[in-house]
Amino acid sequence: MVGGVIRQPRRIDGYGSQQDIAATLLAQLSLPHKDFTFSKDMLNPASPHFAFFTVPDAFGMVTPENQLIFNNESSSVVADEGAEKGKNLSLGQAYLQKLYDDIAKR
């Protein structure tokens, strides 16, 4: 990001996904971003810091405590790292269900 948002090089330790770019950029411009349901402002310390991704046969959920990838086709965890192993399985499943519910409403 450039254009005054970042005045000097710095590291952002929060987690985020590509869907969070919309809310992050809009917040920097002081514009509303509530219509971007699944996007969060990565520069807001009050935002939950996690990353989520999904592909046709799997999803991944990353937090500081746990990094997890789940294969939907085989119903198995294929990666589970961090201090709180398994923590993100139910969180990731719930997030994926919310995505599917949202898609079904459109």
C-alpha atoms as a PDB file:
ATOM      1  CA  MET A   1       0.000   0.000   0.000  1.00  0.00           C
ATOM      2  CA  VAL A   2       1.217   3.462  -0.841  1.00  0.00           C
ATOM      3  CA  GLY A   3      -0.105   6.987  -1.119  1.00  0.00           C
ATOM      4  CA  GLY A   4       0.343   8.136   2.445  1.00  0.00           C
ATOM      5  CA  VAL A   5      -1.214   5.146   4.166  1.00  0.00           C
ATOM      6  CA  ILE A   6       2.237   3.763   4.909  1.00  0.00           C
ATOM      7  CA  ARG A   7       4.702   6.524   5.641  1.00  0.00           C
ATOM      8  CA  GLN A   8       7.642   4.214   6.256  1.00  0.00           C
ATOM      9  CA  PRO A   9       8.323   0.484   6.076  1.00  0.00           C
ATOM     10  CA  ARG A  10       6.737  -1.415   8.938  1.00  0.00           C
ATOM     11  CA  ARG A  11       5.571  -4.894   9.816  1.00  0.00           C
ATOM     12  CA  ILE A  12       1.923  -5.656  10.526  1.00  0.00           C
ATOM     13  CA  ASP A  13       1.647  -8.719  12.768  1.00  0.00           C
ATOM     14  CA  GLY A  14      -2.088  -9.291  12.353  1.00  0.00           C
ATOM     15  CA  TYR A  15      -3.452 -12.083  10.199  1.00  0.00           C
ATOM     16  CA  GLY A  16      -5.696 -11.413   7.237  1.00  0.00           C
ATOM     17  CA  SER A  17      -6.926 -12.798   3.936  1.00  0.00           C
ATOM     18  CA  GLN A  18      -7.430 -11.336   0.486  1.00  0.00           C
ATOM     19  CA  GLN A  19     -11.085 -10.605   1.304  1.00  0.00           C
ATOM     20  CA  ASP A  20      -9.842  -8.234   4.035  1.00  0.00           C
ATOM     21  CA  ILE A  21      -8.239  -5.879   1.537  1.00  0.00           C
ATOM     22  CA  ALA A  22     -11.577  -4.169   0.780  1.00  0.00           C
ATOM     23  CA  ALA A  23     -12.386  -3.209   4.383  1.00  0.00           C
ATOM     24  CA  THR A  24      -8.771  -2.290   5.122  1.00  0.00           C
ATOM     25  CA  LEU A  25      -8.480   0.088   2.174  1.00  0.00           C
ATOM     26  CA  LEU A  26     -11.928   1.608   2.677  1.00  0.00           C
ATOM     27  CA  ALA A  27     -11.219   2.198   6.376  1.00  0.00           C
ATOM     28  CA  GLN A  28      -7.995   4.014   5.456  1.00  0.00           C
ATOM     29  CA  LEU A  29     -10.094   6.282   3.242  1.00  0.00           C
ATOM     30  CA  SER A  30     -12.656   6.761   6.055  1.00  0.00           C
ATOM     31  CA  LEU A  31     -15.332   5.123   3.913  1.00  0.00           C
ATOM     32  CA  PRO A  32     -17.937   2.641   5.168  1.00  0.00           C
ATOM     33  CA  HIS A  33     -17.262  -1.034   4.524  1.00  0.00           C
ATOM     34  CA  LYS A  34     -20.194  -2.749   6.234  1.00  0.00           C
ATOM     35  CA  ASP A  35     -21.449  -4.095   2.893  1.00  0.00           C
ATOM     36  CA  PHE A  36     -18.336  -6.282   2.711  1.00  0.00           C
ATOM     37  CA  THR A  37     -19.652  -8.871   5.156  1.00  0.00           C
ATOM     38  CA  PHE A  38     -16.597 -11.125   5.171  1.00  0.00           C
ATOM     39  CA  SER A  39     -13.979  -8.367   5.087  1.00  0.00           C
ATOM     40  CA  LYS A  40     -12.308  -6.834   8.124  1.00  0.00           C
ATOM     41  CA  ASP A  41      -9.957  -3.909   8.639  1.00  0.00           C
ATOM     42  CA  MET A  42      -6.585  -5.575   9.219  1.00  0.00           C
ATOM     43  CA  LEU A  43      -5.148  -2.339  10.643  1.00  0.00           C
ATOM     44  CA  ASN A  44      -7.819  -2.067  13.326  1.00  0.00           C
ATOM     45  CA  PRO A  45      -6.510  -3.655  16.542  1.00  0.00           C
ATOM     46  CA  ALA A  46     -10.123  -4.415  17.575  1.00  0.00           C
ATOM     47  CA  SER A  47     -10.700  -6.577  14.477  1.00  0.00           C
ATOM     48  CA  PRO A  48     -10.348 -10.324  14.954  1.00  0.00           C
ATOM     49  CA  HIS A  49      -7.028 -11.405  13.502  1.00  0.00           C
ATOM     50  CA  PHE A  50      -7.363 -14.559  11.459  1.00  0.00           C
ATOM     51  CA  ALA A  51      -6.959 -15.699   7.889  1.00  0.00           C
ATOM     52  CA  PHE A  52      -9.361 -18.035   6.094  1.00  0.00           C
ATOM     53  CA  PHE A  53      -9.125 -19.584   2.667  1.00  0.00           C
ATOM     54  CA  THR A  54     -11.149 -22.101   0.783  1.00  0.00           C
ATOM     55  CA  VAL A  55     -10.642 -24.103  -2.381  1.00  0.00           C
ATOM     56  CA  PRO A  56     -13.108 -26.604  -3.873  1.00  0.00           C
ATOM     57  CA  ASP A  57     -11.997 -29.507  -1.671  1.00  0.00           C
ATOM     58  CA  ALA A  58     -10.487 -27.853   1.419  1.00  0.00           C
ATOM     59  CA  PHE A  59     -10.358 -24.879   3.740  1.00  0.00           C
ATOM     60  CA  GLY A  60      -7.726 -23.347   5.959  1.00  0.00           C
ATOM     61  CA  MET A  61      -7.983 -21.238   9.089  1.00  0.00           C
ATOM     62  CA  VAL A  62      -4.978 -19.438  10.561  1.00  0.00           C
ATOM     63  CA  THR A  63      -4.743 -17.697  13.920  1.00  0.00           C
ATOM     64  CA  PRO A  64      -1.760 -17.011  16.144  1.00  0.00           C
ATOM     65  CA  GLU A  65      -2.650 -20.135  18.154  1.00  0.00           C
ATOM     66  CA  ASN A  66      -3.394 -22.609  15.352  1.00  0.00           C
ATOM     67  CA  GLN A  67      -2.806 -23.109  11.649  1.00  0.00           C
ATOM     68  CA  LEU A  68      -5.153 -25.739  10.234  1.00  0.00           C
ATOM     69  CA  ILE A  69      -6.032 -27.124   6.802  1.00  0.00           C
ATOM     70  CA  PHE A  70      -8.981 -29.478   6.425  1.00  0.00           C
ATOM     71  CA  ASN A  71      -9.698 -31.659   3.382  1.00  0.00           C
ATOM     72  CA  ASN A  72     -13.476 -31.659   2.853  1.00  0.00           C
ATOM     73  CA  GLU A  73     -13.371 -34.546   0.420  1.00  0.00           C
ATOM     74  CA  SER A  74     -11.663 -36.975   2.796  1.00  0.00           C
ATOM     75  CA  SER A  75     -13.028 -35.309   5.968  1.00  0.00           C
ATOM     76  CA  SER A  76      -9.548 -35.159   7.422  1.00  0.00           C
ATOM     77  CA  VAL A  77      -7.159 -32.624   8.858  1.00  0.00           C
ATOM     78  CA  VAL A  78      -4.086 -32.441   6.616  1.00  0.00           C
ATOM     79  CA  ALA A  79      -2.167 -29.796   8.570  1.00  0.00           C
ATOM     80  CA  ASP A  80      -2.466 -28.796  12.213  1.00  0.00           C
ATOM     81  CA  GLU A  81       0.253 -26.643  13.759  1.00  0.00           C
ATOM     82  CA  GLY A  82       0.583 -24.269  16.672  1.00  0.00           C
ATOM     83  CA  ALA A  83       0.166 -24.144  20.423  1.00  0.00           C
ATOM     84  CA  GLU A  84      -3.566 -24.978  20.346  1.00  0.00           C
ATOM     85  CA  LYS A  85      -3.791 -27.795  17.791  1.00  0.00           C
ATOM     86  CA  GLY A  86      -7.283 -28.471  16.490  1.00  0.00           C
ATOM     87  CA  LYS A  87      -8.705 -25.178  17.772  1.00  0.00           C
ATOM     88  CA  ASN A  88      -9.485 -23.835  14.300  1.00  0.00           C
ATOM     89  CA  LEU A  89     -11.350 -26.890  13.003  1.00  0.00           C
ATOM     90  CA  SER A  90     -14.772 -25.924  14.346  1.00  0.00           C
ATOM     91  CA  LEU A  91     -14.083 -22.212  13.723  1.00  0.00           C
ATOM     92  CA  GLY A  92     -13.181 -22.919  10.086  1.00  0.00           C
ATOM     93  CA  GLN A  93     -16.182 -25.197   9.598  1.00  0.00           C
ATOM     94  CA  ALA A  94     -18.501 -22.536  11.017  1.00  0.00           C
ATOM     95  CA  TYR A  95     -16.968 -19.837   8.811  1.00  0.00           C
ATOM     96  CA  LEU A  96     -17.310 -22.034   5.715  1.00  0.00           C
ATOM     97  CA  GLN A  97     -20.960 -22.745   6.591  1.00  0.00           C
ATOM     98  CA  LYS A  98     -21.615 -18.996   6.893  1.00  0.00           C
ATOM     99  CA  LEU A  99     -20.074 -18.507   3.442  1.00  0.00           C
ATOM    100  CA  TYR A 100     -22.305 -21.221   1.973  1.00  0.00           C
ATOM    101  CA  ASP A 101     -25.369 -19.732   3.705  1.00  0.00           C
ATOM    102  CA  ASP A 102     -24.535 -16.322   2.255  1.00  0.00           C
ATOM    103  CA  ILE A 103     -24.080 -17.743  -1.247  1.00  0.00           C
ATOM    104  CA  ALA A 104     -27.400 -19.603  -0.976  1.00  0.00           C
ATOM    105  CA  LYS A 105     -29.220 -16.330  -0.192  1.00  0.00           C
ATOM    106  CA  ARG A 106     -27.947 -14.594  -3.335  1.00  0.00           C
END
